[in-house]
């Protein structure tokens, strides 16, 4: 099944900003110091940054990022969601050749037990109206 677009990765100063559709708890960021570590194959933290009026900026742990096993993608895990962006696109974003790298996610896993528990005709229309 094909991956579905779910956000993008952009350069913000020397850091990477991860924009995930539906995320509302602040900005997701891979720190500038962690970007070279990630590109060298290490797992790094993805932080969320909240700027609240009349308060200090709050930084918290949101997930992790690392190069995929194939070495051709950057995998970002936020909570239980796994998302990927092509490594070549992320490198172009870092070098300034591209504005953003598309972030995509695999389709959700279907719970086969729940689906098979339904009767075979559970969604049939049963009227002649």
N, C-alpha and C. Protein backbone atom coordinates (compact mmCIF):
# COMPACT_ATOMS: atom_id res chain seq x y z
N UNK A 1 0.84 -1.17 0.00
CA UNK A 1 0.00 0.00 0.00
C UNK A 1 0.89 1.24 0.00
N UNK A 2 0.51 2.27 -0.70
CA UNK A 2 1.35 3.45 -0.79
C UNK A 2 1.32 4.28 0.50
N UNK A 3 2.42 4.99 0.73
CA UNK A 3 2.48 5.90 1.86
C UNK A 3 1.63 7.12 1.55
N UNK A 4 1.08 7.75 2.59
CA UNK A 4 0.25 8.94 2.42
C UNK A 4 0.99 10.16 2.97
N UNK A 5 0.97 11.30 2.26
CA UNK A 5 1.61 12.51 2.78
C UNK A 5 0.98 12.93 4.10
N UNK A 6 1.80 13.32 5.07
CA UNK A 6 1.28 13.70 6.38
C UNK A 6 2.01 14.89 6.97
N UNK A 7 2.85 15.57 6.19
CA UNK A 7 3.57 16.71 6.72
C UNK A 7 4.80 17.01 5.90
N UNK A 8 5.74 17.76 6.50
CA UNK A 8 6.97 18.11 5.79
C UNK A 8 8.07 18.43 6.79
N UNK A 9 9.30 18.41 6.28
CA UNK A 9 10.48 18.77 7.06
C UNK A 9 11.11 19.97 6.39
N UNK A 10 11.34 21.04 7.17
CA UNK A 10 11.92 22.26 6.65
C UNK A 10 13.13 22.65 7.50
N UNK A 11 14.01 23.43 6.90
CA UNK A 11 15.17 23.95 7.63
C UNK A 11 14.74 25.21 8.38
N UNK A 12 15.10 25.28 9.64
CA UNK A 12 14.83 26.46 10.46
C UNK A 12 16.14 26.83 11.13
N UNK A 13 16.82 27.84 10.62
CA UNK A 13 18.20 28.18 10.99
C UNK A 13 19.06 26.96 10.64
N UNK A 14 19.73 26.35 11.61
CA UNK A 14 20.52 25.14 11.33
C UNK A 14 19.80 23.88 11.80
N UNK A 15 18.62 24.03 12.36
CA UNK A 15 17.85 22.89 12.85
C UNK A 15 16.84 22.47 11.78
N UNK A 16 16.15 21.36 12.02
CA UNK A 16 15.09 20.89 11.13
C UNK A 16 13.76 20.98 11.86
N UNK A 17 12.80 21.63 11.24
CA UNK A 17 11.46 21.73 11.79
C UNK A 17 10.60 20.66 11.13
N UNK A 18 9.95 19.85 11.94
CA UNK A 18 9.09 18.77 11.46
C UNK A 18 7.65 19.24 11.62
N UNK A 19 6.93 19.37 10.52
CA UNK A 19 5.53 19.78 10.57
C UNK A 19 4.66 18.56 10.26
N UNK A 20 3.89 18.15 11.25
CA UNK A 20 3.02 16.98 11.11
C UNK A 20 1.57 17.47 11.09
N UNK A 21 0.82 17.05 10.10
CA UNK A 21 -0.59 17.43 10.01
C UNK A 21 -1.33 17.02 11.28
N UNK A 22 -2.04 17.97 11.88
CA UNK A 22 -2.82 17.67 13.08
C UNK A 22 -2.08 17.87 14.39
N UNK A 23 -0.79 18.15 14.37
CA UNK A 23 -0.04 18.34 15.61
C UNK A 23 -0.28 19.75 16.12
N UNK A 24 -0.71 19.88 17.38
CA UNK A 24 -1.07 21.20 17.91
C UNK A 24 -0.36 21.57 19.20
N UNK A 25 0.61 20.78 19.64
CA UNK A 25 1.26 21.04 20.93
C UNK A 25 2.49 21.92 20.83
N UNK A 26 2.75 22.53 19.71
CA UNK A 26 3.93 23.36 19.54
C UNK A 26 4.69 22.93 18.30
N UNK A 27 5.86 23.52 18.11
CA UNK A 27 6.68 23.18 16.96
C UNK A 27 7.54 21.95 17.27
N UNK A 28 7.63 21.04 16.31
CA UNK A 28 8.50 19.88 16.43
C UNK A 28 9.84 20.21 15.79
N UNK A 29 10.93 19.95 16.51
CA UNK A 29 12.25 20.37 16.05
C UNK A 29 13.28 19.28 16.29
N UNK A 30 14.15 19.08 15.30
CA UNK A 30 15.38 18.29 15.48
C UNK A 30 16.49 19.32 15.66
N UNK A 31 17.12 19.34 16.81
CA UNK A 31 18.11 20.37 17.16
C UNK A 31 19.26 20.40 16.16
N UNK A 32 19.82 21.60 15.98
CA UNK A 32 20.93 21.78 15.03
C UNK A 32 22.11 20.88 15.37
N UNK A 33 22.40 20.69 16.65
CA UNK A 33 23.52 19.84 17.04
C UNK A 33 23.24 18.36 16.75
N UNK A 34 21.95 17.99 16.67
CA UNK A 34 21.59 16.59 16.44
C UNK A 34 21.50 16.22 14.96
N UNK A 35 21.41 17.21 14.07
CA UNK A 35 21.26 16.92 12.64
C UNK A 35 22.45 16.12 12.10
N UNK A 36 23.72 16.54 12.36
CA UNK A 36 24.84 15.73 11.86
C UNK A 36 24.89 14.33 12.49
N UNK A 37 24.51 14.23 13.76
CA UNK A 37 24.47 12.91 14.41
C UNK A 37 23.47 12.00 13.70
N UNK A 38 22.30 12.56 13.38
CA UNK A 38 21.27 11.77 12.70
C UNK A 38 21.77 11.32 11.33
N UNK A 39 22.41 12.22 10.59
CA UNK A 39 22.90 11.88 9.26
C UNK A 39 24.02 10.84 9.31
N UNK A 40 24.68 10.71 10.48
CA UNK A 40 25.72 9.69 10.65
C UNK A 40 25.16 8.38 11.18
N UNK A 41 23.82 8.28 11.29
CA UNK A 41 23.21 7.00 11.65
C UNK A 41 22.76 6.86 13.08
N UNK A 42 22.90 7.89 13.89
CA UNK A 42 22.48 7.81 15.29
C UNK A 42 21.03 8.22 15.44
N UNK A 43 20.36 7.65 16.42
CA UNK A 43 19.00 8.07 16.75
C UNK A 43 19.09 9.37 17.55
N UNK A 44 18.26 10.34 17.20
CA UNK A 44 18.27 11.63 17.91
C UNK A 44 16.85 11.95 18.37
N UNK A 45 16.74 12.86 19.31
CA UNK A 45 15.44 13.26 19.85
C UNK A 45 14.77 14.29 18.95
N UNK A 46 13.46 14.19 18.89
CA UNK A 46 12.64 15.24 18.29
C UNK A 46 11.95 15.92 19.47
N UNK A 47 12.13 17.22 19.58
CA UNK A 47 11.59 17.99 20.70
C UNK A 47 10.39 18.80 20.23
N UNK A 48 9.46 19.06 21.15
CA UNK A 48 8.41 20.03 20.83
C UNK A 48 8.68 21.28 21.66
N UNK A 49 8.48 22.42 21.01
CA UNK A 49 8.76 23.71 21.62
C UNK A 49 7.46 24.48 21.70
N UNK A 50 7.09 24.86 22.92
CA UNK A 50 5.87 25.65 23.13
C UNK A 50 6.25 27.04 23.60
N UNK A 51 5.79 28.05 22.88
CA UNK A 51 5.98 29.43 23.30
C UNK A 51 4.65 29.92 23.84
N UNK A 52 4.60 30.10 25.16
CA UNK A 52 3.36 30.53 25.81
C UNK A 52 3.49 32.00 26.20
N UNK A 53 2.45 32.78 26.02
CA UNK A 53 2.53 34.20 26.36
C UNK A 53 2.83 34.41 27.85
N UNK A 54 3.71 35.33 28.14
CA UNK A 54 4.09 35.70 29.51
C UNK A 54 4.69 34.56 30.31
N UNK A 55 5.27 33.58 29.65
CA UNK A 55 5.92 32.46 30.33
C UNK A 55 7.20 32.09 29.59
N UNK A 56 8.01 31.27 30.23
CA UNK A 56 9.21 30.78 29.57
C UNK A 56 8.84 29.78 28.48
N UNK A 57 9.74 29.62 27.54
CA UNK A 57 9.54 28.63 26.47
C UNK A 57 9.68 27.24 27.09
N UNK A 58 8.76 26.35 26.74
CA UNK A 58 8.80 24.97 27.25
C UNK A 58 9.28 24.05 26.13
N UNK A 59 10.27 23.22 26.45
CA UNK A 59 10.79 22.24 25.50
C UNK A 59 10.59 20.85 26.09
N UNK A 60 9.95 19.96 25.33
CA UNK A 60 9.70 18.61 25.81
C UNK A 60 10.02 17.57 24.74
N UNK A 61 10.17 16.34 25.17
CA UNK A 61 10.47 15.23 24.26
C UNK A 61 9.20 14.80 23.53
N UNK A 62 9.28 14.72 22.19
CA UNK A 62 8.12 14.30 21.40
C UNK A 62 8.34 12.96 20.72
N UNK A 63 9.58 12.62 20.40
CA UNK A 63 9.84 11.38 19.68
C UNK A 63 11.29 11.26 19.30
N UNK A 64 11.54 10.53 18.21
CA UNK A 64 12.92 10.31 17.78
C UNK A 64 12.99 10.31 16.25
N UNK A 65 14.21 10.48 15.76
CA UNK A 65 14.45 10.44 14.31
C UNK A 65 15.75 9.70 14.06
N UNK A 66 15.81 8.98 12.96
CA UNK A 66 17.02 8.25 12.58
C UNK A 66 16.95 7.88 11.11
N UNK A 67 18.08 7.51 10.55
CA UNK A 67 18.14 7.04 9.17
C UNK A 67 17.52 5.64 9.13
N UNK A 68 16.80 5.33 8.07
CA UNK A 68 16.16 4.02 7.94
C UNK A 68 17.20 2.91 7.76
N UNK A 69 16.77 1.69 7.88
CA UNK A 69 17.68 0.54 7.69
C UNK A 69 18.28 0.51 6.30
N UNK A 70 17.49 0.91 5.31
CA UNK A 70 17.98 0.91 3.93
C UNK A 70 18.96 2.06 3.68
N UNK A 71 18.93 3.07 4.56
CA UNK A 71 19.81 4.22 4.38
C UNK A 71 19.29 5.22 3.36
N UNK A 72 18.05 5.07 2.92
CA UNK A 72 17.50 5.95 1.90
C UNK A 72 16.41 6.89 2.40
N UNK A 73 16.12 6.85 3.70
CA UNK A 73 15.05 7.69 4.25
C UNK A 73 15.39 8.11 5.67
N UNK A 74 14.74 9.16 6.11
CA UNK A 74 14.79 9.59 7.51
C UNK A 74 13.46 9.17 8.13
N UNK A 75 13.53 8.33 9.15
CA UNK A 75 12.32 7.89 9.85
C UNK A 75 12.12 8.74 11.09
N UNK A 76 10.93 9.29 11.23
CA UNK A 76 10.58 10.11 12.38
C UNK A 76 9.45 9.40 13.11
N UNK A 77 9.63 9.18 14.41
CA UNK A 77 8.59 8.54 15.21
C UNK A 77 8.12 9.54 16.26
N UNK A 78 6.85 9.94 16.15
CA UNK A 78 6.22 10.84 17.11
C UNK A 78 5.09 10.07 17.76
N UNK A 79 5.12 9.94 19.09
CA UNK A 79 4.20 9.11 19.82
C UNK A 79 4.26 7.71 19.19
N UNK A 80 3.18 7.20 18.64
CA UNK A 80 3.23 5.87 18.04
C UNK A 80 3.21 5.93 16.52
N UNK A 81 3.31 7.13 15.95
CA UNK A 81 3.25 7.30 14.48
C UNK A 81 4.65 7.22 13.89
N UNK A 82 4.80 6.44 12.85
CA UNK A 82 6.05 6.36 12.11
C UNK A 82 5.85 7.09 10.79
N UNK A 83 6.77 8.03 10.50
CA UNK A 83 6.70 8.80 9.26
C UNK A 83 8.08 8.79 8.63
N UNK A 84 8.14 8.91 7.32
CA UNK A 84 9.41 8.87 6.60
C UNK A 84 9.50 9.99 5.59
N UNK A 85 10.74 10.44 5.37
CA UNK A 85 11.03 11.41 4.32
C UNK A 85 12.26 10.91 3.58
N UNK A 86 12.32 11.05 2.27
CA UNK A 86 13.50 10.60 1.53
C UNK A 86 14.76 11.32 2.01
N UNK A 87 15.83 10.57 2.25
CA UNK A 87 17.08 11.16 2.73
C UNK A 87 17.62 12.18 1.74
N UNK A 88 17.53 11.89 0.44
CA UNK A 88 18.04 12.82 -0.57
C UNK A 88 17.31 14.16 -0.48
N UNK A 89 16.00 14.13 -0.23
CA UNK A 89 15.23 15.37 -0.11
C UNK A 89 15.62 16.14 1.15
N UNK A 90 15.85 15.43 2.25
CA UNK A 90 16.26 16.08 3.50
C UNK A 90 17.64 16.72 3.32
N UNK A 91 18.55 16.04 2.63
CA UNK A 91 19.87 16.61 2.38
C UNK A 91 19.77 17.86 1.49
N UNK A 92 18.86 17.85 0.52
CA UNK A 92 18.66 19.04 -0.31
C UNK A 92 18.09 20.20 0.51
N UNK A 93 17.21 19.89 1.47
CA UNK A 93 16.67 20.92 2.35
C UNK A 93 17.80 21.52 3.18
N UNK A 94 18.68 20.69 3.70
CA UNK A 94 19.80 21.17 4.51
C UNK A 94 20.77 22.03 3.71
N UNK A 95 20.96 21.70 2.44
CA UNK A 95 21.89 22.46 1.61
C UNK A 95 21.24 23.70 0.99
N UNK A 96 19.93 23.84 1.14
CA UNK A 96 19.23 25.01 0.61
C UNK A 96 18.74 24.85 -0.82
N UNK A 97 18.88 23.67 -1.40
CA UNK A 97 18.43 23.43 -2.77
C UNK A 97 16.92 23.19 -2.86
N UNK A 98 16.30 22.87 -1.74
CA UNK A 98 14.87 22.54 -1.70
C UNK A 98 14.27 23.15 -0.44
N UNK A 99 13.04 23.63 -0.52
CA UNK A 99 12.41 24.27 0.64
C UNK A 99 11.94 23.27 1.69
N UNK A 100 11.40 22.13 1.25
CA UNK A 100 10.85 21.17 2.20
C UNK A 100 10.95 19.76 1.64
N UNK A 101 11.00 18.80 2.56
CA UNK A 101 10.96 17.38 2.20
C UNK A 101 9.62 16.83 2.66
N UNK A 102 8.95 16.10 1.79
CA UNK A 102 7.64 15.55 2.12
C UNK A 102 7.79 14.44 3.14
N UNK A 103 6.94 14.49 4.15
CA UNK A 103 6.88 13.48 5.19
C UNK A 103 5.67 12.61 4.91
N UNK A 104 5.85 11.29 4.86
CA UNK A 104 4.76 10.37 4.53
C UNK A 104 4.66 9.28 5.59
N UNK A 105 3.46 8.73 5.71
CA UNK A 105 3.21 7.68 6.70
C UNK A 105 2.54 6.50 6.01
N UNK A 106 2.84 5.28 6.50
CA UNK A 106 2.15 4.11 5.95
C UNK A 106 0.69 4.12 6.38
N UNK A 107 -0.17 3.44 5.64
CA UNK A 107 -1.58 3.38 6.04
C UNK A 107 -1.72 2.64 7.36
N UNK A 108 -2.80 2.89 8.10
CA UNK A 108 -2.97 2.21 9.38
C UNK A 108 -3.12 0.70 9.20
N UNK A 109 -2.72 -0.02 10.21
CA UNK A 109 -2.82 -1.47 10.19
C UNK A 109 -4.25 -1.87 10.52
N UNK A 110 -4.82 -2.77 9.73
CA UNK A 110 -6.19 -3.22 9.94
C UNK A 110 -6.18 -4.33 10.99
N UNK A 111 -7.06 -4.23 11.95
CA UNK A 111 -7.21 -5.25 12.97
C UNK A 111 -8.06 -6.38 12.38
N UNK A 112 -7.40 -7.45 11.94
CA UNK A 112 -8.09 -8.54 11.25
C UNK A 112 -9.09 -9.25 12.16
N UNK A 113 -8.78 -9.39 13.44
CA UNK A 113 -9.71 -10.07 14.35
C UNK A 113 -11.02 -9.31 14.47
N UNK A 114 -10.92 -7.99 14.57
CA UNK A 114 -12.14 -7.19 14.69
C UNK A 114 -12.93 -7.23 13.39
N UNK A 115 -12.26 -7.19 12.26
CA UNK A 115 -12.95 -7.22 10.98
C UNK A 115 -13.65 -8.56 10.75
N UNK A 116 -12.99 -9.65 11.14
CA UNK A 116 -13.59 -10.97 10.93
C UNK A 116 -14.70 -11.27 11.93
N UNK A 117 -14.75 -10.54 13.04
CA UNK A 117 -15.81 -10.75 14.02
C UNK A 117 -17.14 -10.20 13.53
N UNK A 118 -17.12 -9.29 12.58
CA UNK A 118 -18.35 -8.72 12.03
C UNK A 118 -19.03 -9.76 11.14
N UNK A 119 -20.36 -9.70 11.09
CA UNK A 119 -21.06 -10.62 10.19
C UNK A 119 -20.78 -10.21 8.75
N UNK A 120 -20.90 -11.15 7.86
CA UNK A 120 -20.54 -10.90 6.46
C UNK A 120 -21.45 -9.86 5.81
N UNK A 121 -22.66 -9.71 6.30
CA UNK A 121 -23.60 -8.76 5.69
C UNK A 121 -23.91 -7.59 6.63
N UNK A 122 -22.99 -7.23 7.51
CA UNK A 122 -23.25 -6.18 8.50
C UNK A 122 -23.50 -4.80 7.89
N UNK A 123 -22.98 -4.53 6.71
CA UNK A 123 -23.14 -3.19 6.12
C UNK A 123 -24.06 -3.16 4.91
N UNK A 124 -24.82 -4.21 4.71
CA UNK A 124 -25.78 -4.25 3.61
C UNK A 124 -27.03 -3.45 3.97
N UNK A 125 -27.58 -2.77 3.00
CA UNK A 125 -28.83 -2.07 3.19
C UNK A 125 -29.95 -3.10 3.10
N UNK A 126 -30.84 -3.14 4.07
CA UNK A 126 -31.86 -4.19 4.14
C UNK A 126 -33.28 -3.66 3.93
N UNK A 127 -33.43 -2.64 3.15
CA UNK A 127 -34.78 -2.13 2.92
C UNK A 127 -35.00 -1.96 1.41
N UNK A 128 -36.27 -1.89 1.03
CA UNK A 128 -36.63 -1.70 -0.37
C UNK A 128 -37.07 -0.27 -0.65
N UNK A 129 -36.79 0.62 0.28
CA UNK A 129 -37.23 2.01 0.11
C UNK A 129 -36.40 2.77 -0.88
